[in-house]
Amino acid sequence: MKIACLQFNPIQENTYVVWDDTLEAVVIDAGNSNPREDAALDNFIAEHGLRPVLAANTHGHFDHTLGVAHLKKRYGIPFAMSLKDAFLLDNASTSGSIFGVPVGEMPSVDTDLDTTPEIRFGHTVLRVLRTPGHTPGHVALYEPQSKSLFTGDTLFRESIGRTDLPGGDYSWIMRSILDTLLPLGDEVHVYPGHGPESTIGHEVLYNPFIVEVLNEEVNYKD
């Protein structure tokens, strides 16, 4: 499996294009937000001879969904996201205005990742892991052969996602990280929704939110 990270919009969201030797591709968290960024994504896809088959989202915040409508229209592909985050699409224009980002029409969801165990394309299978906390319907996507984990805004390098936004919950994001993500193993490579890449092993040692729980300084279940 091959992975490319493209950064779009003022919030510097990571958009991932994932493909294998069949050249079928999935775009994860498309953040392209204007014609120039749309063209940059389209050019990348064309230069690599890729055939997009799905736009998949870890969650519904506007900075991760700005480019989905373009992908659906340009390539005629479906959109997969947990319907538990559909309310975020409905409120995207208001949320964007708070951050000074213009938000156009949001896409409709075609596949509910809350009831979908895996995403298949080419020879690749992405497991859908439910990781609520940053948002109610947040998921992570995991490819076990390459040990690649797309964490969206649940887990960052040495940080975690915000839990003070509508639908956020600190206890749940820590349950998601400690009970769902860390057991995947130290060697798993983390591709977050913002910022640089990491590994689970690095986060166990250096992520202060995780370390304070492992040291029993904080009880994340309270």
Foldseek 3Di string as FASTA:
>chain_A
DDWDWDFEDPVRWTWIWDDDPVLEIEIEQDQHADPVSLVVVVVVSVVVVHQYAEYEYQAQANSSFNCVVVCCVVRVHAYEFAPQRVVNLVCNQVVCVVVPHHGDHTDDHDHHLVPDQWDDDDPWIWGWAAQFALARGGTWTATLVVLEIEREQLDDQLEGHDQPDPRHHQLRSVCSCPVPPLVSDQARKYDYRHDDIDGSVNCCPRNVVNVCVVVVVDDSND
